[in-house]
Amino acid sequence: MGAILDVTELLKEPSGMVGAVVIIIVGYFFVKWVFAEPEDEE
């Protein structure tokens, strides 16, 4: 619960919003990479 409050405090600052957007984008591409169809491996 404390972590959620820390995040909401961080989002009140412009730099915190930028950081949150970067984390979301990185997380999105990481999930896409993890769940991507495997290449043809031999």
Protein backbone atom coordinates (compact mmCIF):
# COMPACT_ATOMS: atom_id res chain seq x y z
CA MET A 1 0.00 0.00 0.00
CA GLY A 2 2.84 2.37 0.82
CA ALA A 3 4.35 1.78 -2.63
CA ILE A 4 1.08 2.89 -4.27
CA LEU A 5 1.11 6.11 -2.26
CA ASP A 6 4.75 6.72 -3.25
CA VAL A 7 3.84 6.31 -6.93
CA THR A 8 0.91 8.73 -6.68
CA GLU A 9 3.18 11.28 -4.99
CA LEU A 10 5.74 10.81 -7.76
CA LEU A 11 3.10 11.33 -10.46
CA LYS A 12 2.33 14.81 -9.09
CA GLU A 13 5.72 15.99 -10.38
CA PRO A 14 6.37 16.47 -14.13
CA SER A 15 9.57 14.42 -13.98
CA GLY A 16 7.66 11.64 -12.22
CA MET A 17 5.10 11.55 -15.03
CA VAL A 18 7.87 11.27 -17.63
CA GLY A 19 9.47 8.45 -15.65
CA ALA A 20 6.16 6.63 -15.36
CA VAL A 21 5.57 6.87 -19.11
CA VAL A 22 9.08 5.53 -19.80
CA ILE A 23 8.52 2.61 -17.39
CA ILE A 24 5.17 1.79 -19.03
CA ILE A 25 6.72 1.83 -22.52
CA VAL A 26 9.65 -0.35 -21.43
CA GLY A 27 7.25 -2.77 -19.72
CA TYR A 28 5.05 -2.93 -22.81
CA PHE A 29 7.95 -3.80 -25.11
CA PHE A 30 9.31 -6.30 -22.57
CA VAL A 31 5.96 -8.12 -22.45
CA LYS A 32 5.75 -8.07 -26.26
CA TRP A 33 9.27 -9.52 -26.42
CA VAL A 34 8.53 -12.24 -23.84
CA PHE A 35 5.29 -13.35 -25.48
CA ALA A 36 6.53 -12.99 -29.09
CA GLU A 37 6.37 -16.00 -31.35
CA PRO A 38 9.73 -17.78 -31.14
CA GLU A 39 11.92 -17.57 -34.20
CA ASP A 40 12.59 -20.77 -36.13
CA GLU A 41 15.19 -22.37 -33.88
CA GLU A 42 17.32 -25.35 -34.76
